[in-house]
Amino acid sequence: NYVTGFCDGESCFSVYISSNAKLKVGYKFGLVFSIHLNKRDIELLKKIQFFFKSVGNIQINADDSISYVVTSIKDISNHIIPHFEKYPLLTRKQADFELFKKVVILMNNKEHLTEEGLHKILSIKASLNLGLPENLKVLYPEIIPVSKPQVKLPEIIDKNWLVGFVDAEGSFIVSIYKSKTKIGYAIKLAFCITQNNRDHLLISSLVKHLNCGRVSVNTRNSGVEYLVSGFNEINEIIIPLFKQYNLIGIKQRDFEDFCKIVLLMKNKQHLTAEGLSQVRKIHSVMNRRRDI
């Protein structure tokens, strides 16, 4: 469930089509299951690769990011597909997975080597991710995208799924700002999960599942955000949750630092110059400021 939750946030199921005059249908098909991360989380990516029986490869990209990539149809069929059949994705990415699986089945049955199979795959790809590239739309204007599978909202969200999803899309935020307090500054804490607005219903359901927080929509970037900013909710619900169900990636260190600041605030130490200095020091290495 952790792996599925993480993949709900960071993975991609892709079908690539390229010209190949040597083949009867004129095209070669490629399948890719991938996860793209900041290089700081290379150890987490290695654990995920090990979880999938060490298939695929981890590569370092030109921008110093890292990717876990599985392209072998055998490995995808034997390891990737079975996992997500047993532990289904909860976001709308489940629809992409179902379409991806249809292409895998067609290719395993060698249907991609026929003109009819080509049209089937084009119809599926037209509904997958960003759809057909412009050149294929021009060459095959008759292609009708298949209906995108419906994804049901889960009645129960497994906590391990949630931890994986937070490792991918969650943030522990500390804001230090000027105020009219005795020391001239105040501290605001927040725990948030961001996602594309297409998963608005799933993200909104977290309010019920965690019994705290609120949801807001960012119309500028089509995003939706689950946010917990009340100190009591953070201290009594969020902190105990992630102490019981541990994060696995580099975000665990951000959580540990977040907990240190929560404890300082709980003891009112942040209201002193010395305590504020401690908070600033901890905050200075959190999130994107953390090297390793």
Protein backbone atom coordinates (compact mmCIF):
# COMPACT_ATOMS: atom_id res chain seq x y z
CA ASN A 1 0.00 0.00 0.00
CA TYR A 2 2.89 2.38 0.70
CA VAL A 3 4.31 1.77 -2.80
CA THR A 4 0.92 2.35 -4.39
CA GLY A 5 0.44 5.56 -2.41
CA PHE A 6 3.84 6.84 -3.47
CA CYS A 7 3.17 5.91 -7.09
CA ASP A 8 -0.18 7.69 -6.94
CA GLY A 9 1.88 10.82 -6.44
CA GLU A 10 5.03 10.27 -8.50
CA SER A 11 4.67 7.52 -11.11
CA CYS A 12 3.69 7.56 -14.76
CA PHE A 13 2.39 4.89 -17.14
CA SER A 14 3.39 5.73 -20.72
CA VAL A 15 3.01 4.26 -24.19
CA TYR A 16 5.42 5.49 -26.86
CA ILE A 17 4.94 5.12 -30.60
CA SER A 18 7.75 5.74 -33.09
CA SER A 19 8.09 5.24 -36.84
CA ASN A 20 9.85 2.08 -37.99
CA ALA A 21 9.74 1.26 -41.70
CA LYS A 22 11.06 -2.25 -41.07
CA LEU A 23 7.84 -3.28 -39.32
CA LYS A 24 4.68 -4.24 -41.20
CA VAL A 25 2.51 -1.62 -39.50
CA GLY A 26 5.24 1.02 -39.77
CA TYR A 27 5.46 1.72 -36.04
CA LYS A 28 7.30 0.48 -32.99
CA PHE A 29 5.64 0.54 -29.57
CA GLY A 30 7.29 1.08 -26.22
CA LEU A 31 5.96 0.72 -22.68
CA VAL A 32 7.34 2.68 -19.74
CA PHE A 33 6.56 2.65 -16.04
CA SER A 34 8.54 5.44 -14.41
CA ILE A 35 9.06 7.40 -11.20
CA HIS A 36 10.85 10.75 -11.32
CA LEU A 37 12.39 12.25 -8.13
CA ASN A 38 14.86 14.71 -6.73
CA LYS A 39 18.30 13.08 -6.41
CA ARG A 40 18.08 13.47 -2.62
CA ASP A 41 15.68 10.54 -2.57
CA ILE A 42 17.84 8.05 -4.43
CA GLU A 43 17.79 5.63 -1.45
CA LEU A 44 14.00 5.56 -1.52
CA LEU A 45 14.06 4.89 -5.25
CA LYS A 46 16.46 1.99 -4.68
CA LYS A 47 14.05 0.53 -2.12
CA ILE A 48 11.18 0.77 -4.60
CA GLN A 49 13.27 -0.93 -7.28
CA PHE A 50 14.14 -3.70 -4.80
CA PHE A 51 10.43 -4.02 -3.94
CA PHE A 52 9.74 -4.68 -7.63
CA LYS A 53 12.28 -7.56 -7.60
CA SER A 54 15.08 -5.27 -8.81
CA VAL A 55 13.68 -5.01 -12.36
CA GLY A 56 14.23 -1.83 -14.35
CA ASN A 57 16.94 0.78 -13.99
CA ILE A 58 17.68 3.89 -11.96
CA GLN A 59 19.16 6.69 -14.04
CA ILE A 60 20.59 10.09 -13.21
CA ASN A 61 19.21 12.79 -15.49
CA ALA A 62 20.92 15.88 -16.93
CA ASP A 63 19.20 18.13 -14.35
CA ASP A 64 20.54 15.94 -11.51
CA SER A 65 17.10 14.45 -10.91
CA ILE A 66 16.71 10.66 -10.85
CA SER A 67 14.30 8.26 -12.50
CA TYR A 68 13.31 4.65 -11.97
CA VAL A 69 12.34 3.23 -15.35
CA VAL A 70 10.91 -0.17 -16.32
CA THR A 71 10.57 -0.76 -20.07
CA SER A 72 10.67 -4.54 -20.45
CA ILE A 73 7.20 -5.85 -21.29
CA LYS A 74 8.10 -9.05 -19.43
CA ASP A 75 8.99 -7.15 -16.25
CA ILE A 76 5.97 -4.89 -16.57
CA SER A 77 3.69 -7.92 -17.06
CA ASN A 78 5.22 -9.99 -14.25
CA HIS A 79 5.86 -7.35 -11.58
CA ILE A 80 4.32 -3.92 -12.24
CA ILE A 81 0.84 -4.95 -13.44
CA PRO A 82 0.25 -7.60 -10.71
CA HIS A 83 1.16 -5.17 -7.94
CA PHE A 84 -1.34 -2.51 -9.01
CA GLU A 85 -4.01 -5.14 -9.60
CA LYS A 86 -3.59 -6.28 -5.99
CA TYR A 87 -3.12 -2.79 -4.52
CA PRO A 88 -5.09 -0.41 -6.78
CA LEU A 89 -4.19 3.24 -7.19
CA LEU A 90 -6.68 5.61 -5.55
CA THR A 91 -6.15 8.76 -7.64
CA ARG A 92 -7.34 9.22 -11.22
CA LYS A 93 -4.01 7.65 -12.19
CA GLN A 94 -5.85 4.35 -11.78
CA ALA A 95 -7.63 5.14 -15.07
CA ASP A 96 -4.25 5.60 -16.79
CA PHE A 97 -3.10 2.29 -15.33
CA GLU A 98 -6.17 0.47 -16.70
CA LEU A 99 -5.54 1.90 -20.18
CA PHE A 100 -1.84 1.06 -19.93
CA LYS A 101 -2.73 -2.52 -18.97
CA LYS A 102 -4.91 -2.86 -22.07
CA VAL A 103 -1.93 -1.98 -24.25
CA VAL A 104 0.24 -4.49 -22.37
CA ILE A 105 -2.33 -7.21 -23.05
CA LEU A 106 -2.53 -6.28 -26.76
CA MET A 107 1.26 -6.39 -27.07
CA ASN A 108 1.57 -9.69 -25.21
CA ASN A 109 -0.96 -11.10 -27.70
CA LYS A 110 1.14 -9.69 -30.59
CA GLU A 111 -1.82 -7.60 -31.77
CA HIS A 112 0.39 -4.52 -32.05
CA LEU A 113 1.94 -6.14 -35.13
CA THR A 114 -1.34 -5.84 -37.05
CA GLU A 115 -3.11 -2.84 -38.54
CA GLU A 116 -6.18 -3.54 -36.39
CA GLY A 117 -4.01 -3.70 -33.27
CA LEU A 118 -2.33 -0.43 -34.23
CA HIS A 119 -5.71 1.31 -34.35
CA LYS A 120 -6.70 -0.18 -30.99
CA ILE A 121 -3.51 1.11 -29.36
CA LEU A 122 -3.90 4.55 -30.96
CA SER A 123 -7.45 4.75 -29.57
CA ILE A 124 -6.18 3.85 -26.10
CA LYS A 125 -3.21 6.22 -26.25
CA ALA A 126 -5.57 9.02 -27.29
CA SER A 127 -7.10 8.79 -23.79
CA LEU A 128 -3.85 8.14 -21.90
CA ASN A 129 -1.95 11.01 -20.25
CA LEU A 130 -1.52 13.81 -22.85
CA GLY A 131 -3.14 11.83 -25.67
CA LEU A 132 -1.87 11.36 -29.22
CA PRO A 133 0.95 13.57 -30.51
CA GLU A 134 -0.06 15.99 -33.27
CA ASN A 135 1.65 14.02 -36.07
CA LEU A 136 -0.43 10.92 -35.32
CA LYS A 137 -3.62 12.97 -35.07
CA VAL A 138 -2.95 14.21 -38.60
CA LEU A 139 -2.09 10.75 -39.95
CA TYR A 140 -5.03 9.03 -38.22
CA PRO A 141 -7.89 11.55 -38.01
CA GLU A 142 -10.42 8.72 -37.78
CA ILE A 143 -9.13 7.53 -34.39
CA ILE A 144 -11.73 7.84 -31.63
CA PRO A 145 -10.36 7.88 -28.06
CA VAL A 146 -11.63 5.04 -25.88
CA SER A 147 -13.71 5.96 -22.84
CA LYS A 148 -11.57 6.66 -19.81
CA PRO A 149 -12.29 4.18 -16.98
CA GLN A 150 -14.16 5.52 -13.97
CA VAL A 151 -12.30 5.61 -10.66
CA LYS A 152 -14.37 5.05 -7.52
CA LEU A 153 -13.74 7.04 -4.37
CA PRO A 154 -12.44 4.63 -1.67
CA GLU A 155 -14.56 4.11 1.44
CA ILE A 156 -11.42 3.51 3.52
CA ILE A 157 -7.94 4.92 2.99
CA ASP A 158 -5.18 2.62 4.21
CA LYS A 159 -2.73 4.52 6.41
CA ASN A 160 0.24 2.95 4.62
CA TRP A 161 -1.13 4.26 1.31
CA LEU A 162 -1.45 7.70 2.91
CA VAL A 163 2.15 7.67 4.15
CA GLY A 164 3.38 6.75 0.67
CA PHE A 165 1.26 9.50 -0.85
CA VAL A 166 2.62 12.03 1.66
CA ASP A 167 6.20 10.95 0.91
CA ALA A 168 5.37 11.88 -2.68
CA GLU A 169 3.10 14.93 -2.37
CA GLY A 170 3.08 16.09 1.27
CA SER A 171 4.91 18.94 2.99
CA PHE A 172 5.66 19.96 6.56
CA ILE A 173 5.82 23.75 6.48
CA VAL A 174 7.20 26.24 9.00
CA SER A 175 6.62 29.96 8.42
CA ILE A 176 8.39 32.63 10.47
CA TYR A 177 6.99 36.12 10.02
CA LYS A 178 7.09 39.56 11.64
CA SER A 179 4.38 40.26 14.18
CA LYS A 180 3.54 42.49 17.14
CA THR A 181 4.64 39.85 19.66
CA LYS A 182 7.20 40.60 22.36
CA ILE A 183 10.08 39.22 20.28
CA GLY A 184 8.75 40.70 17.04
CA TYR A 185 8.10 37.40 15.24
CA ALA A 186 5.51 34.63 15.17
CA ILE A 187 5.56 31.06 13.85
CA LYS A 188 2.91 29.29 11.80
CA LEU A 189 2.94 25.54 11.15
CA ALA A 190 1.15 23.65 8.40
CA PHE A 191 0.90 20.15 6.99
CA CYS A 192 -0.31 20.01 3.41
CA ILE A 193 -0.86 17.65 0.49
CA THR A 194 -1.16 19.06 -3.02
CA GLN A 195 -2.58 17.38 -6.09
CA ASN A 196 -4.15 18.16 -9.45
CA ASN A 197 -7.76 19.28 -9.18
CA ARG A 198 -8.94 16.18 -11.03
CA ASP A 199 -8.53 14.40 -7.68
CA HIS A 200 -10.52 17.00 -5.76
CA LEU A 201 -12.96 14.45 -4.32
CA LEU A 202 -10.19 12.15 -3.06
CA ILE A 203 -8.25 15.00 -1.46
CA SER A 204 -11.44 16.39 0.08
CA SER A 205 -12.17 12.98 1.62
CA LEU A 206 -9.00 13.31 3.72
CA VAL A 207 -10.85 15.76 5.96
CA LYS A 208 -13.22 12.94 6.91
CA HIS A 209 -10.57 10.20 7.05
CA LEU A 210 -8.20 12.20 9.27
CA ASN A 211 -10.90 14.14 11.11
CA CYS A 212 -9.05 17.42 10.65
CA GLY A 213 -7.94 19.98 8.10
CA ARG A 214 -9.60 21.75 5.19
CA VAL A 215 -9.38 21.78 1.41
CA SER A 216 -8.86 24.69 -0.97
CA VAL A 217 -8.65 24.96 -4.76
CA ASN A 218 -5.98 26.97 -6.56
CA THR A 219 -7.60 28.16 -9.79
CA ARG A 220 -4.28 29.50 -11.12
CA ASN A 221 -2.60 26.11 -11.43
CA SER A 222 -5.62 23.74 -11.36
CA GLY A 223 -4.41 22.40 -8.03
CA VAL A 224 -6.20 21.27 -4.88
CA GLU A 225 -4.65 21.38 -1.42
CA TYR A 226 -5.40 19.56 1.80
CA LEU A 227 -4.19 21.75 4.66
CA VAL A 228 -3.90 21.30 8.43
CA SER A 229 -2.76 24.48 10.17
CA GLY A 230 -4.31 24.34 13.62
CA PHE A 231 -1.63 23.66 16.24
CA ASN A 232 -3.79 21.25 18.24
CA GLU A 233 -4.71 19.26 15.12
CA ILE A 234 -1.04 19.05 14.11
CA ASN A 235 0.08 18.06 17.62
CA GLU A 236 -2.73 15.63 18.41
CA ILE A 237 -3.50 14.04 15.00
CA ILE A 238 -0.80 14.61 12.38
CA ILE A 239 2.28 14.07 14.57
CA PRO A 240 1.01 10.81 16.17
CA LEU A 241 -0.04 9.50 12.73
CA PHE A 242 3.44 9.81 11.22
CA LYS A 243 5.11 8.55 14.37
CA GLN A 244 3.06 5.36 14.10
CA TYR A 245 3.37 5.06 10.31
CA ASN A 246 6.87 6.16 9.36
CA LEU A 247 7.77 8.03 6.21
CA ILE A 248 10.54 6.29 4.27
CA GLY A 249 12.07 8.99 2.08
CA ILE A 250 14.08 12.11 2.89
CA LYS A 251 10.80 13.68 4.03
CA GLN A 252 11.12 11.69 7.26
CA ARG A 253 13.94 14.04 8.25
CA ASP A 254 11.72 17.04 7.54
CA PHE A 255 9.06 15.46 9.73
CA GLU A 256 11.55 14.92 12.57
CA ASP A 257 12.61 18.58 12.38
CA PHE A 258 8.95 19.60 12.24
CA CYS A 259 8.37 17.62 15.45
CA LYS A 260 11.24 19.46 17.16
CA ILE A 261 9.61 22.80 16.37
CA VAL A 262 6.20 21.54 17.51
CA LEU A 263 7.76 20.54 20.85
CA LEU A 264 9.40 23.96 21.24
CA MET A 265 6.07 25.64 20.58
CA LYS A 266 4.22 23.27 22.90
CA ASN A 267 6.61 24.32 25.67
CA LYS A 268 6.22 28.02 24.70
CA GLN A 269 9.95 28.26 24.04
CA HIS A 270 9.31 29.89 20.66
CA LEU A 271 8.15 32.99 22.57
CA THR A 272 11.73 33.66 23.72
CA ALA A 273 14.65 34.97 21.68
CA GLU A 274 16.63 31.80 22.39
CA GLY A 275 13.73 29.55 21.38
CA LEU A 276 13.11 31.53 18.19
CA SER A 277 16.79 31.13 17.33
CA GLN A 278 16.45 27.37 17.74
CA VAL A 279 13.41 27.36 15.46
CA ARG A 280 15.29 29.36 12.82
CA LYS A 281 18.23 26.96 12.95
CA ILE A 282 16.01 23.89 12.51
CA HIS A 283 13.97 25.59 9.79
CA SER A 284 17.12 26.54 7.84
CA VAL A 285 17.77 22.94 6.75
CA MET A 286 14.20 21.76 6.11
CA ASN A 287 12.52 20.87 2.82
CA ARG A 288 14.27 22.27 -0.27
CA ARG A 289 17.08 23.68 1.86
CA ARG A 290 18.11 20.16 2.90
CA ASP A 291 21.12 18.85 1.00
CA ILE A 292 20.81 15.17 1.94
